[in-house]
Amino acid sequence: MLLAAGWQPLRTKSFNEADTDPDISYGNGPIFWKRGYVEVESCSGTGVAACAFLFRDAYGNRLRVATAGEELPKEKAYARVTGFRFVCE
């Protein structure tokens, strides 16, 4: 829905360092990165399996989307959006 509304993924990590980046090497981080979600900023390895993703629109506005829940496709369990907010950086 975000892409259809004109928001674009904002790459937050270097392709060369993503495999060892502590922000995305736990929880759902490796799964999302391997799927090509370059907008993934961080994922927790414990708790509710929270992750944060960053998007930008044509005007330079930034939007952070938060998810929670483990990605377990074999069990048909998937992370869900739990919130979003505009980011000033």
C-alpha atoms as a PDB file:
ATOM      1  CA  MET A   1       0.000   0.000   0.000  1.00  0.00           C
ATOM      2  CA  LEU A   2       2.864   2.366   0.765  1.00  0.00           C
ATOM      3  CA  LEU A   3       4.508   1.772  -2.603  1.00  0.00           C
ATOM      4  CA  ALA A   4       1.190   2.355  -4.380  1.00  0.00           C
ATOM      5  CA  ALA A   5       0.885   5.658  -2.501  1.00  0.00           C
ATOM      6  CA  GLY A   6       4.274   6.819  -3.785  1.00  0.00           C
ATOM      7  CA  TRP A   7       6.484   5.945  -0.810  1.00  0.00           C
ATOM      8  CA  GLN A   8       9.840   4.391  -1.694  1.00  0.00           C
ATOM      9  CA  PRO A   9      12.004   2.082   0.437  1.00  0.00           C
ATOM     10  CA  LEU A  10      14.974   3.943   1.882  1.00  0.00           C
ATOM     11  CA  ARG A  11      18.028   1.702   2.046  1.00  0.00           C
ATOM     12  CA  THR A  12      19.410   1.895   5.560  1.00  0.00           C
ATOM     13  CA  LYS A  13      22.299  -0.583   5.384  1.00  0.00           C
ATOM     14  CA  SER A  14      25.256  -1.205   3.114  1.00  0.00           C
ATOM     15  CA  PHE A  15      24.965  -4.377   1.048  1.00  0.00           C
ATOM     16  CA  ASN A  16      28.568  -5.216   1.974  1.00  0.00           C
ATOM     17  CA  GLU A  17      27.973  -5.001   5.715  1.00  0.00           C
ATOM     18  CA  ALA A  18      24.381  -6.186   6.087  1.00  0.00           C
ATOM     19  CA  ASP A  19      25.288  -9.772   6.996  1.00  0.00           C
ATOM     20  CA  THR A  20      27.263  -8.615  10.030  1.00  0.00           C
ATOM     21  CA  ASP A  21      25.292  -5.503  11.008  1.00  0.00           C
ATOM     22  CA  PRO A  22      24.065  -6.052  14.596  1.00  0.00           C
ATOM     23  CA  ASP A  23      20.908  -4.012  13.944  1.00  0.00           C
ATOM     24  CA  ILE A  24      19.540  -6.573  11.484  1.00  0.00           C
ATOM     25  CA  SER A  25      21.369  -9.794  12.272  1.00  0.00           C
ATOM     26  CA  TYR A  26      18.837 -10.977  14.878  1.00  0.00           C
ATOM     27  CA  GLY A  27      15.195 -11.979  14.863  1.00  0.00           C
ATOM     28  CA  ASN A  28      13.477 -11.345  11.550  1.00  0.00           C
ATOM     29  CA  GLY A  29      16.310  -9.120  10.292  1.00  0.00           C
ATOM     30  CA  PRO A  30      18.105 -11.722   8.149  1.00  0.00           C
ATOM     31  CA  ILE A  31      14.792 -12.966   6.727  1.00  0.00           C
ATOM     32  CA  PHE A  32      13.644  -9.498   5.662  1.00  0.00           C
ATOM     33  CA  TRP A  33      17.074  -8.590   4.260  1.00  0.00           C
ATOM     34  CA  LYS A  34      17.230 -11.777   2.169  1.00  0.00           C
ATOM     35  CA  ARG A  35      13.781 -10.951   0.807  1.00  0.00           C
ATOM     36  CA  GLY A  36      15.166  -7.672  -0.466  1.00  0.00           C
ATOM     37  CA  TYR A  37      13.657  -5.347   2.133  1.00  0.00           C
ATOM     38  CA  VAL A  38      16.522  -2.841   2.011  1.00  0.00           C
ATOM     39  CA  GLU A  39      14.445  -0.440   4.112  1.00  0.00           C
ATOM     40  CA  VAL A  40      14.841  -2.571   7.253  1.00  0.00           C
ATOM     41  CA  GLU A  41      16.563  -0.478   9.932  1.00  0.00           C
ATOM     42  CA  SER A  42      16.630  -2.807  12.900  1.00  0.00           C
ATOM     43  CA  CYS A  43      15.095  -5.941  14.361  1.00  0.00           C
ATOM     44  CA  SER A  44      15.104  -7.232  17.905  1.00  0.00           C
ATOM     45  CA  GLY A  45      16.116 -10.770  18.645  1.00  0.00           C
ATOM     46  CA  THR A  46      13.862 -11.121  21.680  1.00  0.00           C
ATOM     47  CA  GLY A  47      10.492 -10.039  22.926  1.00  0.00           C
ATOM     48  CA  VAL A  48       7.815  -9.391  20.313  1.00  0.00           C
ATOM     49  CA  ALA A  49      10.287  -9.656  17.389  1.00  0.00           C
ATOM     50  CA  ALA A  50       9.934  -5.952  16.621  1.00  0.00           C
ATOM     51  CA  CYS A  51      11.406  -4.490  13.421  1.00  0.00           C
ATOM     52  CA  ALA A  52      11.583  -0.966  11.991  1.00  0.00           C
ATOM     53  CA  PHE A  53      11.506  -0.016   8.291  1.00  0.00           C
ATOM     54  CA  LEU A  54      12.162   3.378   6.716  1.00  0.00           C
ATOM     55  CA  PHE A  55      10.454   4.911   3.665  1.00  0.00           C
ATOM     56  CA  ARG A  56      10.699   8.281   1.878  1.00  0.00           C
ATOM     57  CA  ASP A  57       8.220  10.099  -0.341  1.00  0.00           C
ATOM     58  CA  ALA A  58       8.810  12.418  -3.308  1.00  0.00           C
ATOM     59  CA  TYR A  59       8.940  15.430  -0.968  1.00  0.00           C
ATOM     60  CA  GLY A  60      11.662  13.964   1.246  1.00  0.00           C
ATOM     61  CA  ASN A  61       9.342  13.088   4.123  1.00  0.00           C
ATOM     62  CA  ARG A  62      10.388   9.983   6.035  1.00  0.00           C
ATOM     63  CA  LEU A  63       8.069   7.382   7.476  1.00  0.00           C
ATOM     64  CA  ARG A  64       9.099   4.673   9.924  1.00  0.00           C
ATOM     65  CA  VAL A  65       6.936   1.554  10.006  1.00  0.00           C
ATOM     66  CA  ALA A  66       7.104  -0.845  12.962  1.00  0.00           C
ATOM     67  CA  THR A  67       6.226  -4.531  12.885  1.00  0.00           C
ATOM     68  CA  ALA A  68       5.975  -7.258  15.504  1.00  0.00           C
ATOM     69  CA  GLY A  69       5.685 -11.009  15.339  1.00  0.00           C
ATOM     70  CA  GLU A  70       7.901 -13.766  14.085  1.00  0.00           C
ATOM     71  CA  GLU A  71       8.151 -14.712  10.421  1.00  0.00           C
ATOM     72  CA  LEU A  72       7.403 -18.445  10.340  1.00  0.00           C
ATOM     73  CA  PRO A  73       5.996 -19.166   6.864  1.00  0.00           C
ATOM     74  CA  LYS A  74       5.771 -22.932   7.465  1.00  0.00           C
ATOM     75  CA  GLU A  75       3.426 -22.225  10.369  1.00  0.00           C
ATOM     76  CA  LYS A  76       1.685 -19.431   8.425  1.00  0.00           C
ATOM     77  CA  ALA A  77       2.795 -16.876  11.021  1.00  0.00           C
ATOM     78  CA  TYR A  78       3.879 -13.458   9.812  1.00  0.00           C
ATOM     79  CA  ALA A  79       4.934 -10.146  11.292  1.00  0.00           C
ATOM     80  CA  ARG A  80       2.262  -7.447  11.321  1.00  0.00           C
ATOM     81  CA  VAL A  81       2.415  -3.685  11.221  1.00  0.00           C
ATOM     82  CA  THR A  82       2.013  -2.309  14.723  1.00  0.00           C
ATOM     83  CA  GLY A  83       2.562   1.376  14.077  1.00  0.00           C
ATOM     84  CA  PHE A  84       4.060   4.137  11.994  1.00  0.00           C
ATOM     85  CA  ARG A  85       5.296   7.675  12.455  1.00  0.00           C
ATOM     86  CA  PHE A  86       6.915  10.466  10.525  1.00  0.00           C
ATOM     87  CA  VAL A  87      10.605  10.866  11.258  1.00  0.00           C
ATOM     88  CA  CYS A  88      12.553  14.127  11.422  1.00  0.00           C
ATOM     89  CA  GLU A  89      16.253  13.547  10.853  1.00  0.00           C
END
